[in-house]
């Protein structure tokens, strides 16, 4: 199943989105600070990659691509945005919902 999923660009985007959604949901629990730093990097690069791939896929997904780019901007590890823990919990669940929705839309 994994080999089949990775054989197409849409399948790769779907797998990346599923992994990011799970990681974002796990971030609601208390973890060491290093987990959140790693999550920033993962969401940043996944948002850019998935946004580019979704944007290439067609016209109706343009807003979805921009939402992924916005998530990458918010989770940017190079110029971090410092917010209270409660707001990050909301953003983590929102990122999980966004990446989960993209994974759902990318099913073939």
N, C-alpha and C. Protein backbone atom coordinates (compact mmCIF):
# COMPACT_ATOMS: atom_id res chain seq x y z
N UNK A 1 0.82 -1.19 0.00
CA UNK A 1 0.00 0.00 0.00
C UNK A 1 0.86 1.26 0.00
N UNK A 2 1.92 1.29 0.80
CA UNK A 2 2.80 2.44 0.86
C UNK A 2 3.49 2.67 -0.48
N UNK A 3 3.92 1.59 -1.12
CA UNK A 3 4.58 1.71 -2.42
C UNK A 3 3.62 2.28 -3.45
N UNK A 4 2.38 1.86 -3.40
CA UNK A 4 1.36 2.37 -4.32
C UNK A 4 1.11 3.85 -4.06
N UNK A 5 1.06 4.23 -2.78
CA UNK A 5 0.79 5.61 -2.43
C UNK A 5 1.92 6.52 -2.88
N UNK A 6 3.14 6.06 -2.77
CA UNK A 6 4.29 6.89 -3.14
C UNK A 6 4.56 6.92 -4.64
N UNK A 7 3.82 6.15 -5.40
CA UNK A 7 4.08 6.07 -6.84
C UNK A 7 3.54 7.26 -7.62
N UNK A 8 2.70 8.07 -7.01
CA UNK A 8 2.15 9.25 -7.69
C UNK A 8 2.42 10.49 -6.84
N UNK A 9 2.51 11.66 -7.46
CA UNK A 9 2.69 12.89 -6.67
C UNK A 9 1.55 13.13 -5.69
N UNK A 10 0.32 12.85 -6.10
CA UNK A 10 -0.82 13.04 -5.21
C UNK A 10 -0.73 12.10 -4.01
N UNK A 11 -0.26 10.89 -4.24
CA UNK A 11 -0.10 9.95 -3.14
C UNK A 11 0.97 10.38 -2.16
N UNK A 12 2.05 10.96 -2.68
CA UNK A 12 3.11 11.47 -1.82
C UNK A 12 2.60 12.63 -0.98
N UNK A 13 1.86 13.54 -1.60
CA UNK A 13 1.28 14.66 -0.86
C UNK A 13 0.34 14.13 0.22
N UNK A 14 -0.44 13.14 -0.12
CA UNK A 14 -1.39 12.57 0.84
C UNK A 14 -0.65 11.98 2.04
N UNK A 15 0.42 11.23 1.80
CA UNK A 15 1.19 10.63 2.89
C UNK A 15 1.83 11.70 3.77
N UNK A 16 2.42 12.72 3.15
CA UNK A 16 3.02 13.81 3.91
C UNK A 16 1.97 14.50 4.77
N UNK A 17 0.81 14.77 4.19
CA UNK A 17 -0.26 15.45 4.92
C UNK A 17 -0.77 14.61 6.10
N UNK A 18 -0.89 13.32 5.91
CA UNK A 18 -1.33 12.45 7.00
C UNK A 18 -0.33 12.49 8.15
N UNK A 19 0.95 12.41 7.82
CA UNK A 19 1.99 12.45 8.85
C UNK A 19 2.00 13.77 9.60
N UNK A 20 1.85 14.87 8.88
CA UNK A 20 1.84 16.19 9.52
C UNK A 20 0.59 16.36 10.37
N UNK A 21 -0.54 15.87 9.89
CA UNK A 21 -1.78 15.97 10.68
C UNK A 21 -1.64 15.21 12.00
N UNK A 22 -1.08 14.03 11.96
CA UNK A 22 -0.89 13.25 13.19
C UNK A 22 0.08 13.96 14.13
N UNK A 23 1.20 14.46 13.57
CA UNK A 23 2.18 15.16 14.40
C UNK A 23 1.58 16.42 15.02
N UNK A 24 0.74 17.12 14.29
CA UNK A 24 0.10 18.33 14.82
C UNK A 24 -0.90 18.00 15.92
N UNK A 25 -1.62 16.91 15.76
CA UNK A 25 -2.55 16.50 16.82
C UNK A 25 -1.80 16.08 18.08
N UNK A 26 -0.69 15.40 17.90
CA UNK A 26 0.11 14.99 19.05
C UNK A 26 0.67 16.18 19.81
N UNK A 27 0.83 17.32 19.14
CA UNK A 27 1.40 18.50 19.77
C UNK A 27 0.50 19.11 20.82
N UNK A 28 -0.75 18.70 20.88
CA UNK A 28 -1.66 19.21 21.90
C UNK A 28 -1.25 18.69 23.29
N UNK A 29 -0.64 17.52 23.33
CA UNK A 29 -0.16 16.94 24.59
C UNK A 29 1.13 17.66 25.01
N UNK A 30 1.46 17.60 26.29
CA UNK A 30 2.71 18.24 26.75
C UNK A 30 3.93 17.42 26.32
N UNK A 31 4.81 18.04 25.57
CA UNK A 31 6.04 17.42 25.08
C UNK A 31 7.21 18.32 25.44
N UNK A 32 8.43 17.79 25.35
CA UNK A 32 9.59 18.67 25.51
C UNK A 32 9.60 19.73 24.40
N UNK A 33 10.24 20.84 24.67
CA UNK A 33 10.25 21.96 23.73
C UNK A 33 10.82 21.56 22.37
N UNK A 34 11.74 20.62 22.35
CA UNK A 34 12.34 20.17 21.10
C UNK A 34 11.32 19.61 20.12
N UNK A 35 10.25 18.97 20.64
CA UNK A 35 9.21 18.44 19.75
C UNK A 35 8.54 19.57 18.98
N UNK A 36 8.27 20.67 19.67
CA UNK A 36 7.59 21.79 19.03
C UNK A 36 8.51 22.48 18.02
N UNK A 37 9.80 22.52 18.31
CA UNK A 37 10.75 23.06 17.33
C UNK A 37 10.80 22.18 16.09
N UNK A 38 10.83 20.87 16.29
CA UNK A 38 10.82 19.94 15.15
C UNK A 38 9.51 20.07 14.38
N UNK A 39 8.41 20.22 15.09
CA UNK A 39 7.11 20.37 14.42
C UNK A 39 7.08 21.62 13.55
N UNK A 40 7.66 22.70 14.01
CA UNK A 40 7.74 23.91 13.20
C UNK A 40 8.44 23.65 11.87
N UNK A 41 9.57 22.96 11.94
CA UNK A 41 10.34 22.66 10.73
C UNK A 41 9.53 21.76 9.81
N UNK A 42 8.92 20.72 10.37
CA UNK A 42 8.16 19.76 9.57
C UNK A 42 6.96 20.43 8.90
N UNK A 43 6.19 21.20 9.66
CA UNK A 43 5.01 21.86 9.10
C UNK A 43 5.42 22.91 8.06
N UNK A 44 6.52 23.61 8.33
CA UNK A 44 7.00 24.61 7.38
C UNK A 44 7.31 23.99 6.02
N UNK A 45 8.17 22.98 6.03
CA UNK A 45 8.56 22.37 4.75
C UNK A 45 7.42 21.58 4.11
N UNK A 46 6.60 20.92 4.92
CA UNK A 46 5.47 20.19 4.37
C UNK A 46 4.44 21.15 3.78
N UNK A 47 4.23 22.29 4.43
CA UNK A 47 3.29 23.27 3.90
C UNK A 47 3.73 23.82 2.56
N UNK A 48 5.03 24.08 2.43
CA UNK A 48 5.54 24.58 1.16
C UNK A 48 5.44 23.49 0.08
N UNK A 49 5.92 22.30 0.41
CA UNK A 49 5.89 21.20 -0.57
C UNK A 49 4.46 20.89 -1.01
N UNK A 50 3.59 20.69 -0.04
CA UNK A 50 2.21 20.33 -0.39
C UNK A 50 1.50 21.48 -1.09
N UNK A 51 1.79 22.72 -0.67
CA UNK A 51 1.19 23.86 -1.34
C UNK A 51 1.57 23.95 -2.80
N UNK A 52 2.85 23.73 -3.08
CA UNK A 52 3.31 23.76 -4.47
C UNK A 52 2.66 22.63 -5.28
N UNK A 53 2.62 21.45 -4.70
CA UNK A 53 2.05 20.31 -5.42
C UNK A 53 0.54 20.47 -5.65
N UNK A 54 -0.16 20.99 -4.65
CA UNK A 54 -1.60 21.21 -4.79
C UNK A 54 -1.86 22.31 -5.81
N UNK A 55 -1.04 23.34 -5.79
CA UNK A 55 -1.20 24.45 -6.75
C UNK A 55 -0.99 23.96 -8.18
N UNK A 56 -0.05 23.06 -8.37
CA UNK A 56 0.21 22.51 -9.71
C UNK A 56 -0.94 21.62 -10.19
N UNK A 57 -1.70 21.08 -9.26
CA UNK A 57 -2.70 20.07 -9.62
C UNK A 57 -3.95 20.63 -10.30
N UNK A 58 -4.21 21.91 -10.14
CA UNK A 58 -5.38 22.43 -10.86
C UNK A 58 -5.96 23.69 -10.25
N UNK A 59 -6.92 24.26 -10.96
CA UNK A 59 -7.50 25.54 -10.62
C UNK A 59 -8.36 25.57 -9.37
N UNK A 60 -9.09 24.51 -9.11
CA UNK A 60 -10.02 24.56 -7.97
C UNK A 60 -9.31 24.45 -6.63
N UNK A 61 -8.04 24.09 -6.63
CA UNK A 61 -7.31 23.91 -5.38
C UNK A 61 -6.44 25.11 -5.00
N UNK A 62 -6.59 26.22 -5.69
CA UNK A 62 -5.72 27.38 -5.43
C UNK A 62 -5.87 27.91 -4.01
N UNK A 63 -7.08 27.99 -3.49
CA UNK A 63 -7.28 28.47 -2.12
C UNK A 63 -6.68 27.51 -1.10
N UNK A 64 -6.75 26.24 -1.39
CA UNK A 64 -6.15 25.23 -0.52
C UNK A 64 -4.64 25.39 -0.49
N UNK A 65 -4.06 25.67 -1.64
CA UNK A 65 -2.61 25.89 -1.72
C UNK A 65 -2.21 27.11 -0.90
N UNK A 66 -2.98 28.18 -0.99
CA UNK A 66 -2.67 29.38 -0.21
C UNK A 66 -2.82 29.13 1.28
N UNK A 67 -3.77 28.31 1.68
CA UNK A 67 -3.92 27.95 3.09
C UNK A 67 -2.69 27.18 3.58
N UNK A 68 -2.16 26.30 2.75
CA UNK A 68 -0.94 25.58 3.11
C UNK A 68 0.25 26.52 3.22
N UNK A 69 0.35 27.49 2.32
CA UNK A 69 1.42 28.48 2.40
C UNK A 69 1.28 29.32 3.68
N UNK A 70 0.06 29.64 4.06
CA UNK A 70 -0.16 30.41 5.30
C UNK A 70 0.26 29.59 6.52
N UNK A 71 -0.05 28.29 6.51
CA UNK A 71 0.39 27.42 7.62
C UNK A 71 1.90 27.38 7.69
N UNK A 72 2.56 27.32 6.53
CA UNK A 72 4.02 27.33 6.51
C UNK A 72 4.55 28.64 7.09
N UNK A 73 3.92 29.73 6.78
CA UNK A 73 4.34 31.03 7.31
C UNK A 73 4.18 31.10 8.82
N UNK A 74 3.06 30.61 9.33
CA UNK A 74 2.81 30.66 10.78
C UNK A 74 3.79 29.77 11.53
N UNK A 75 4.10 28.61 10.99
CA UNK A 75 5.00 27.66 11.66
C UNK A 75 6.47 27.87 11.26
N UNK A 76 6.77 28.95 10.58
CA UNK A 76 8.11 29.26 10.11
C UNK A 76 9.14 29.18 11.24
N UNK A 77 10.15 28.30 11.12
CA UNK A 77 11.14 28.18 12.20
C UNK A 77 12.25 29.21 12.12
N UNK A 78 12.38 29.92 11.02
CA UNK A 78 13.48 30.86 10.83
C UNK A 78 13.17 32.24 11.39
N UNK A 79 11.94 32.67 11.30
CA UNK A 79 11.45 33.90 11.92
C UNK A 79 10.23 33.53 12.75
N UNK A 80 10.46 32.91 13.91
CA UNK A 80 9.34 32.34 14.66
C UNK A 80 8.38 33.40 15.21
N UNK A 81 7.14 33.01 15.24
CA UNK A 81 6.08 33.81 15.85
C UNK A 81 5.90 33.28 17.26
N UNK A 82 6.01 34.15 18.24
CA UNK A 82 5.88 33.73 19.64
C UNK A 82 4.46 34.03 20.11
N UNK A 83 3.74 32.97 20.45
CA UNK A 83 2.35 33.07 20.87
C UNK A 83 2.16 32.28 22.16
N UNK A 84 1.08 32.55 22.90
CA UNK A 84 0.82 31.76 24.12
C UNK A 84 0.52 30.30 23.78
N UNK A 85 0.78 29.44 24.74
CA UNK A 85 0.60 27.99 24.57
C UNK A 85 -0.83 27.63 24.15
N UNK A 86 -1.80 28.32 24.71
CA UNK A 86 -3.21 28.03 24.39
C UNK A 86 -3.51 28.31 22.92
N UNK A 87 -2.94 29.39 22.40
CA UNK A 87 -3.17 29.72 21.00
C UNK A 87 -2.45 28.73 20.08
N UNK A 88 -1.27 28.27 20.50
CA UNK A 88 -0.57 27.26 19.70
C UNK A 88 -1.36 25.97 19.65
N UNK A 89 -2.07 25.64 20.74
CA UNK A 89 -2.90 24.42 20.74
C UNK A 89 -3.99 24.54 19.67
N UNK A 90 -4.60 25.71 19.57
CA UNK A 90 -5.62 25.94 18.54
C UNK A 90 -5.00 25.86 17.15
N UNK A 91 -3.83 26.46 16.97
CA UNK A 91 -3.15 26.43 15.67
C UNK A 91 -2.73 25.01 15.30
N UNK A 92 -2.31 24.22 16.29
CA UNK A 92 -1.92 22.83 16.01
C UNK A 92 -3.12 22.02 15.54
N UNK A 93 -4.26 22.18 16.19
CA UNK A 93 -5.47 21.47 15.77
C UNK A 93 -5.93 21.96 14.40
N UNK A 94 -5.80 23.26 14.16
CA UNK A 94 -6.17 23.82 12.85
C UNK A 94 -5.26 23.28 11.76
N UNK A 95 -3.97 23.20 12.04
CA UNK A 95 -3.03 22.64 11.06
C UNK A 95 -3.35 21.17 10.79
N UNK A 96 -3.70 20.44 11.84
CA UNK A 96 -4.07 19.03 11.66
C UNK A 96 -5.31 18.92 10.78
N UNK A 97 -6.28 19.80 11.01
CA UNK A 97 -7.50 19.78 10.19
C UNK A 97 -7.19 20.14 8.74
N UNK A 98 -6.35 21.15 8.53
CA UNK A 98 -5.98 21.56 7.18
C UNK A 98 -5.26 20.44 6.44
N UNK A 99 -4.24 19.88 7.06
CA UNK A 99 -3.48 18.83 6.38
C UNK A 99 -4.33 17.56 6.22
N UNK A 100 -5.20 17.30 7.18
CA UNK A 100 -6.12 16.16 7.04
C UNK A 100 -7.07 16.36 5.87
N UNK A 101 -7.56 17.58 5.71
CA UNK A 101 -8.46 17.88 4.60
C UNK A 101 -7.74 17.74 3.26
N UNK A 102 -6.50 18.23 3.21
CA UNK A 102 -5.72 18.09 1.97
C UNK A 102 -5.50 16.62 1.66
N UNK A 103 -5.19 15.82 2.67
CA UNK A 103 -5.00 14.38 2.46
C UNK A 103 -6.28 13.75 1.93
N UNK A 104 -7.42 14.17 2.47
CA UNK A 104 -8.72 13.65 2.01
C UNK A 104 -8.97 14.05 0.55
N UNK A 105 -8.64 15.29 0.20
CA UNK A 105 -8.87 15.77 -1.17
C UNK A 105 -7.92 15.12 -2.17
N UNK A 106 -6.75 14.67 -1.71
CA UNK A 106 -5.76 14.08 -2.60
C UNK A 106 -5.96 12.60 -2.83
N UNK A 107 -6.96 12.01 -2.20
CA UNK A 107 -7.18 10.59 -2.45
C UNK A 107 -7.54 10.42 -3.92
N UNK A 108 -7.12 9.38 -4.49
CA UNK A 108 -7.31 9.22 -5.93
C UNK A 108 -8.58 8.67 -6.27
